[in-house]
Amino acid sequence: MKKEYRELKPDEVISVSMSEFFNGLKTFTAKESVSALHNALLEKGLGEYSSWWSSKGIVCKVLTPGKNWQEGKVKLSLVFCSDEVEPDTPTAESETSGEAIKYPLDEIRRSLNTSDETP
């Protein structure tokens, strides 16, 4: 199963095991971590790079192999990927929602049932 990464929202809370990671704190919000990184860049004299962390990003061009240059914006963000594996089987919610659930072996079962019924 493919791992899914998603961008953290500013109010989501992060907890890490390394206490030295964020000013001695183990728990902080995504917004606090971005702010701390911004301040660290300013302290190191790298304030011009802080716009990479803004919600607006910075103007750029991107060249994707096989395509032309595309103009747009790029930004850095915090992303999260859960270690929990989501089941491939349908959930009770999808079963009770009235949606028709397709199982991979249904077509084979139907063809076997049809061949059993013919004389």
N, C-alpha and C. Protein backbone atom coordinates (compact mmCIF):
# COMPACT_ATOMS: atom_id res chain seq x y z
N MET A 1 0.84 -1.18 0.00
CA MET A 1 0.00 0.00 0.00
C MET A 1 0.88 1.24 0.00
N LYS A 2 0.53 2.23 -0.80
CA LYS A 2 1.28 3.46 -0.93
C LYS A 2 1.10 4.34 0.30
N LYS A 3 2.20 4.91 0.77
CA LYS A 3 2.13 5.84 1.90
C LYS A 3 1.59 7.18 1.41
N GLU A 4 0.68 7.74 2.16
CA GLU A 4 0.08 9.02 1.82
C GLU A 4 0.61 10.11 2.75
N TYR A 5 1.16 11.16 2.17
CA TYR A 5 1.62 12.30 2.93
C TYR A 5 0.61 13.42 2.79
N ARG A 6 0.41 14.16 3.87
CA ARG A 6 -0.50 15.30 3.82
C ARG A 6 0.13 16.46 4.57
N GLU A 7 -0.17 17.66 4.10
CA GLU A 7 0.37 18.86 4.73
C GLU A 7 -0.34 19.08 6.07
N LEU A 8 0.44 19.38 7.10
CA LEU A 8 -0.14 19.63 8.41
C LEU A 8 -0.78 21.02 8.44
N LYS A 9 -1.92 21.10 9.09
CA LYS A 9 -2.60 22.39 9.29
C LYS A 9 -1.92 23.10 10.45
N PRO A 10 -1.96 24.44 10.47
CA PRO A 10 -1.25 25.20 11.50
C PRO A 10 -1.60 24.82 12.94
N ASP A 11 -2.85 24.41 13.21
CA ASP A 11 -3.25 24.12 14.58
C ASP A 11 -3.04 22.66 14.99
N GLU A 12 -2.52 21.83 14.09
CA GLU A 12 -2.28 20.43 14.45
C GLU A 12 -1.06 20.34 15.37
N VAL A 13 -1.15 19.46 16.36
CA VAL A 13 -0.12 19.32 17.38
C VAL A 13 0.84 18.20 17.00
N ILE A 14 2.13 18.48 17.17
CA ILE A 14 3.20 17.53 16.87
C ILE A 14 3.88 17.17 18.18
N SER A 15 4.17 15.90 18.37
CA SER A 15 4.91 15.44 19.54
C SER A 15 6.10 14.63 19.05
N VAL A 16 7.30 14.98 19.51
CA VAL A 16 8.52 14.28 19.09
C VAL A 16 9.22 13.71 20.31
N SER A 17 10.08 12.72 20.08
CA SER A 17 10.79 12.11 21.21
C SER A 17 12.08 12.85 21.54
N MET A 18 12.58 13.67 20.63
CA MET A 18 13.81 14.41 20.87
C MET A 18 13.49 15.74 21.53
N SER A 19 13.81 15.91 22.79
CA SER A 19 13.46 17.14 23.49
C SER A 19 14.28 18.33 23.00
N GLU A 20 15.45 18.09 22.42
CA GLU A 20 16.27 19.20 21.95
C GLU A 20 15.84 19.71 20.57
N PHE A 21 14.85 19.07 20.00
CA PHE A 21 14.42 19.43 18.65
C PHE A 21 13.84 20.84 18.58
N PHE A 22 13.01 21.22 19.53
CA PHE A 22 12.27 22.48 19.43
C PHE A 22 12.34 23.24 20.75
N ASN A 23 13.43 23.92 20.94
CA ASN A 23 13.62 24.73 22.15
C ASN A 23 13.33 23.95 23.43
N GLY A 24 13.68 22.68 23.46
CA GLY A 24 13.47 21.86 24.64
C GLY A 24 12.06 21.32 24.79
N LEU A 25 11.17 21.65 23.86
CA LEU A 25 9.80 21.17 23.93
C LEU A 25 9.65 19.88 23.13
N LYS A 26 8.76 19.03 23.59
CA LYS A 26 8.46 17.80 22.86
C LYS A 26 7.12 17.89 22.13
N THR A 27 6.28 18.86 22.51
CA THR A 27 4.96 19.00 21.92
C THR A 27 4.75 20.46 21.50
N PHE A 28 4.30 20.65 20.25
CA PHE A 28 4.11 21.99 19.71
C PHE A 28 3.20 21.90 18.50
N THR A 29 2.68 23.04 18.08
CA THR A 29 1.81 23.04 16.89
C THR A 29 2.66 23.20 15.63
N ALA A 30 2.07 22.87 14.50
CA ALA A 30 2.76 23.05 13.22
C ALA A 30 3.11 24.52 13.02
N LYS A 31 2.20 25.41 13.41
CA LYS A 31 2.45 26.84 13.27
C LYS A 31 3.64 27.27 14.12
N GLU A 32 3.74 26.75 15.34
CA GLU A 32 4.87 27.08 16.20
C GLU A 32 6.19 26.60 15.61
N SER A 33 6.18 25.42 15.00
CA SER A 33 7.42 24.89 14.42
C SER A 33 7.86 25.72 13.21
N VAL A 34 6.91 26.14 12.38
CA VAL A 34 7.25 26.98 11.23
C VAL A 34 7.78 28.32 11.72
N SER A 35 7.17 28.87 12.76
CA SER A 35 7.62 30.13 13.34
C SER A 35 9.04 29.99 13.89
N ALA A 36 9.32 28.88 14.57
CA ALA A 36 10.65 28.66 15.12
C ALA A 36 11.70 28.53 14.01
N LEU A 37 11.35 27.85 12.93
CA LEU A 37 12.27 27.73 11.80
C LEU A 37 12.52 29.09 11.16
N HIS A 38 11.47 29.88 11.04
CA HIS A 38 11.58 31.24 10.51
C HIS A 38 12.53 32.06 11.38
N ASN A 39 12.33 32.00 12.69
CA ASN A 39 13.20 32.75 13.62
C ASN A 39 14.64 32.26 13.56
N ALA A 40 14.83 30.95 13.42
CA ALA A 40 16.18 30.40 13.32
C ALA A 40 16.89 30.92 12.07
N LEU A 41 16.15 31.02 10.96
CA LEU A 41 16.74 31.57 9.75
C LEU A 41 17.14 33.03 9.96
N LEU A 42 16.28 33.79 10.65
CA LEU A 42 16.60 35.20 10.92
C LEU A 42 17.83 35.32 11.81
N GLU A 43 17.93 34.47 12.85
CA GLU A 43 19.07 34.51 13.77
C GLU A 43 20.38 34.17 13.06
N LYS A 44 20.31 33.31 12.08
CA LYS A 44 21.51 32.91 11.34
C LYS A 44 21.84 33.86 10.20
N GLY A 45 21.07 34.94 10.07
CA GLY A 45 21.30 35.90 9.01
C GLY A 45 20.78 35.42 7.66
N LEU A 46 19.86 34.50 7.69
CA LEU A 46 19.31 33.94 6.45
C LEU A 46 17.84 34.33 6.28
N GLY A 47 17.50 35.53 6.73
CA GLY A 47 16.12 35.99 6.69
C GLY A 47 15.51 36.00 5.31
N GLU A 48 16.35 36.17 4.27
CA GLU A 48 15.81 36.20 2.92
C GLU A 48 15.19 34.86 2.52
N TYR A 49 15.53 33.77 3.24
CA TYR A 49 14.97 32.46 2.94
C TYR A 49 13.67 32.18 3.71
N SER A 50 13.30 33.07 4.59
CA SER A 50 12.10 32.83 5.40
C SER A 50 10.82 32.85 4.57
N SER A 51 10.84 33.50 3.41
CA SER A 51 9.64 33.54 2.58
C SER A 51 9.29 32.16 2.01
N TRP A 52 10.25 31.25 2.02
CA TRP A 52 9.98 29.87 1.58
C TRP A 52 8.93 29.22 2.48
N TRP A 53 8.86 29.65 3.73
CA TRP A 53 7.94 29.04 4.70
C TRP A 53 6.60 29.74 4.75
N SER A 54 6.46 30.86 4.06
CA SER A 54 5.18 31.57 4.11
C SER A 54 4.12 30.80 3.34
N SER A 55 2.87 31.08 3.65
CA SER A 55 1.78 30.38 2.96
C SER A 55 1.72 30.76 1.48
N LYS A 56 2.33 31.89 1.12
CA LYS A 56 2.32 32.34 -0.26
C LYS A 56 3.41 31.67 -1.08
N GLY A 57 4.52 31.29 -0.46
CA GLY A 57 5.63 30.71 -1.19
C GLY A 57 6.41 31.76 -1.96
N ILE A 58 7.30 31.30 -2.84
CA ILE A 58 8.08 32.22 -3.65
C ILE A 58 7.88 31.88 -5.13
N VAL A 59 7.97 32.91 -5.96
CA VAL A 59 7.79 32.75 -7.40
C VAL A 59 8.95 31.92 -7.95
N CYS A 60 8.62 31.00 -8.86
CA CYS A 60 9.64 30.14 -9.43
C CYS A 60 9.20 29.60 -10.77
N LYS A 61 10.09 28.83 -11.38
CA LYS A 61 9.78 28.04 -12.57
C LYS A 61 10.20 26.61 -12.26
N VAL A 62 9.41 25.65 -12.74
CA VAL A 62 9.71 24.24 -12.52
C VAL A 62 9.76 23.53 -13.87
N LEU A 63 10.82 22.73 -14.06
CA LEU A 63 10.94 21.94 -15.28
C LEU A 63 10.76 20.48 -14.93
N THR A 64 9.68 19.90 -15.42
CA THR A 64 9.39 18.48 -15.23
C THR A 64 9.86 17.74 -16.47
N PRO A 65 10.58 16.60 -16.30
CA PRO A 65 11.05 15.87 -17.48
C PRO A 65 9.91 15.58 -18.46
N GLY A 66 10.17 15.87 -19.73
CA GLY A 66 9.17 15.62 -20.77
C GLY A 66 8.15 16.74 -20.93
N LYS A 67 8.27 17.80 -20.13
CA LYS A 67 7.32 18.92 -20.21
C LYS A 67 8.09 20.23 -20.34
N ASN A 68 7.36 21.31 -20.60
CA ASN A 68 7.95 22.64 -20.67
C ASN A 68 8.05 23.25 -19.28
N TRP A 69 8.80 24.34 -19.19
CA TRP A 69 8.87 25.08 -17.93
C TRP A 69 7.48 25.55 -17.54
N GLN A 70 7.17 25.48 -16.25
CA GLN A 70 5.90 25.99 -15.71
C GLN A 70 6.22 27.05 -14.67
N GLU A 71 5.56 28.18 -14.77
CA GLU A 71 5.72 29.24 -13.78
C GLU A 71 4.72 29.02 -12.66
N GLY A 72 5.13 29.34 -11.45
CA GLY A 72 4.24 29.20 -10.31
C GLY A 72 4.94 29.61 -9.04
N LYS A 73 4.61 28.95 -7.96
CA LYS A 73 5.21 29.24 -6.66
C LYS A 73 5.61 27.94 -5.99
N VAL A 74 6.61 28.02 -5.15
CA VAL A 74 7.07 26.87 -4.37
C VAL A 74 7.16 27.32 -2.92
N LYS A 75 6.84 26.40 -2.02
CA LYS A 75 6.95 26.71 -0.60
C LYS A 75 7.35 25.44 0.14
N LEU A 76 7.92 25.64 1.30
CA LEU A 76 8.25 24.53 2.17
C LEU A 76 7.12 24.36 3.17
N SER A 77 6.82 23.13 3.53
CA SER A 77 5.76 22.89 4.49
C SER A 77 6.07 21.63 5.29
N LEU A 78 5.36 21.46 6.38
CA LEU A 78 5.48 20.25 7.18
C LEU A 78 4.45 19.25 6.68
N VAL A 79 4.90 18.04 6.41
CA VAL A 79 3.98 17.00 5.96
C VAL A 79 4.04 15.84 6.93
N PHE A 80 2.97 15.06 6.96
CA PHE A 80 2.84 13.94 7.89
C PHE A 80 2.44 12.70 7.11
N CYS A 81 3.02 11.57 7.51
CA CYS A 81 2.65 10.27 6.95
C CYS A 81 2.42 9.32 8.11
N SER A 82 1.23 8.79 8.22
CA SER A 82 0.88 7.89 9.31
C SER A 82 1.55 6.54 9.15
N ASP A 83 1.98 5.94 10.27
CA ASP A 83 2.53 4.58 10.26
C ASP A 83 1.43 3.53 10.24
N GLU A 84 0.20 3.96 10.55
CA GLU A 84 -0.92 3.02 10.58
C GLU A 84 -1.28 2.60 9.17
N VAL A 85 -1.51 1.32 8.99
CA VAL A 85 -1.89 0.80 7.69
C VAL A 85 -3.41 0.79 7.59
N GLU A 86 -3.91 1.42 6.54
CA GLU A 86 -5.36 1.42 6.33
C GLU A 86 -5.75 0.13 5.63
N PRO A 87 -6.80 -0.50 6.09
CA PRO A 87 -7.20 -1.77 5.48
C PRO A 87 -7.70 -1.58 4.05
N ASP A 88 -7.45 -2.59 3.23
CA ASP A 88 -7.95 -2.57 1.85
C ASP A 88 -9.39 -3.03 1.76
N THR A 89 -9.91 -3.59 2.87
CA THR A 89 -11.28 -4.08 2.86
C THR A 89 -12.24 -2.92 3.11
N PRO A 90 -13.47 -3.03 2.62
CA PRO A 90 -14.44 -1.96 2.83
C PRO A 90 -14.75 -1.78 4.31
N THR A 91 -15.02 -0.57 4.70
CA THR A 91 -15.36 -0.29 6.09
C THR A 91 -16.85 -0.46 6.30
N ALA A 92 -17.25 -0.55 7.55
CA ALA A 92 -18.67 -0.66 7.87
C ALA A 92 -19.41 0.58 7.38
N GLU A 93 -18.73 1.72 7.40
CA GLU A 93 -19.36 2.96 6.95
C GLU A 93 -19.75 2.87 5.47
N SER A 94 -18.85 2.34 4.63
CA SER A 94 -19.17 2.24 3.21
C SER A 94 -20.24 1.17 2.96
N GLU A 95 -20.30 0.16 3.81
CA GLU A 95 -21.30 -0.87 3.64
C GLU A 95 -22.69 -0.37 4.01
N THR A 96 -22.76 0.52 5.01
CA THR A 96 -24.07 1.02 5.45
C THR A 96 -24.50 2.26 4.68
N SER A 97 -23.63 2.82 3.87
CA SER A 97 -23.98 4.05 3.15
C SER A 97 -24.82 3.77 1.92
N GLY A 98 -25.01 2.49 1.59
CA GLY A 98 -25.83 2.14 0.44
C GLY A 98 -25.03 2.09 -0.85
N GLU A 99 -23.72 2.34 -0.77
CA GLU A 99 -22.89 2.27 -1.96
C GLU A 99 -22.69 0.82 -2.36
N ALA A 100 -22.65 0.57 -3.64
CA ALA A 100 -22.36 -0.78 -4.12
C ALA A 100 -20.86 -1.02 -3.99
N ILE A 101 -20.49 -2.05 -3.26
CA ILE A 101 -19.09 -2.36 -3.04
C ILE A 101 -18.68 -3.43 -4.02
N LYS A 102 -17.58 -3.19 -4.72
CA LYS A 102 -17.08 -4.16 -5.69
C LYS A 102 -15.89 -4.87 -5.09
N TYR A 103 -15.98 -6.17 -5.01
CA TYR A 103 -14.88 -6.99 -4.54
C TYR A 103 -14.17 -7.57 -5.75
N PRO A 104 -12.85 -7.73 -5.70
CA PRO A 104 -12.09 -8.20 -6.86
C PRO A 104 -12.53 -9.56 -7.40
N LEU A 105 -13.01 -10.45 -6.55
CA LEU A 105 -13.37 -11.79 -7.00
C LEU A 105 -14.83 -11.94 -7.39
N ASP A 106 -15.61 -10.88 -7.28
CA ASP A 106 -17.04 -10.95 -7.61
C ASP A 106 -17.29 -11.42 -9.04
N GLU A 107 -16.53 -10.88 -9.98
CA GLU A 107 -16.72 -11.24 -11.39
C GLU A 107 -16.42 -12.72 -11.61
N ILE A 108 -15.41 -13.26 -10.98
CA ILE A 108 -15.08 -14.68 -11.10
C ILE A 108 -16.18 -15.53 -10.49
N ARG A 109 -16.68 -15.12 -9.32
CA ARG A 109 -17.76 -15.86 -8.68
C ARG A 109 -19.00 -15.91 -9.58
N ARG A 110 -19.33 -14.76 -10.17
CA ARG A 110 -20.49 -14.70 -11.05
C ARG A 110 -20.32 -15.65 -12.25
N SER A 111 -19.13 -15.65 -12.84
CA SER A 111 -18.93 -16.50 -14.00
C SER A 111 -18.96 -17.98 -13.61
N LEU A 112 -18.46 -18.33 -12.43
CA LEU A 112 -18.51 -19.71 -11.94
C LEU A 112 -19.95 -20.12 -11.65
N ASN A 113 -20.72 -19.24 -11.02
CA ASN A 113 -22.13 -19.53 -10.74
C ASN A 113 -22.92 -19.71 -12.02
N THR A 114 -22.63 -18.90 -13.03
CA THR A 114 -23.32 -19.01 -14.30
C THR A 114 -22.98 -20.31 -15.00
N SER A 115 -21.71 -20.71 -14.95
CA SER A 115 -21.31 -21.96 -15.61
C SER A 115 -21.85 -23.18 -14.89
N ASP A 116 -22.05 -23.10 -13.55
CA ASP A 116 -22.63 -24.20 -12.77
C ASP A 116 -24.11 -24.39 -13.09
N GLU A 117 -24.79 -23.31 -13.44
CA GLU A 117 -26.22 -23.37 -13.69
C GLU A 117 -26.55 -23.89 -15.09
N THR A 118 -25.62 -23.80 -16.03
CA THR A 118 -25.89 -24.27 -17.39
C THR A 118 -25.72 -25.79 -17.45
N PRO A 119 -26.65 -26.49 -18.17
CA PRO A 119 -26.59 -27.96 -18.22
C PRO A 119 -25.53 -28.50 -19.11
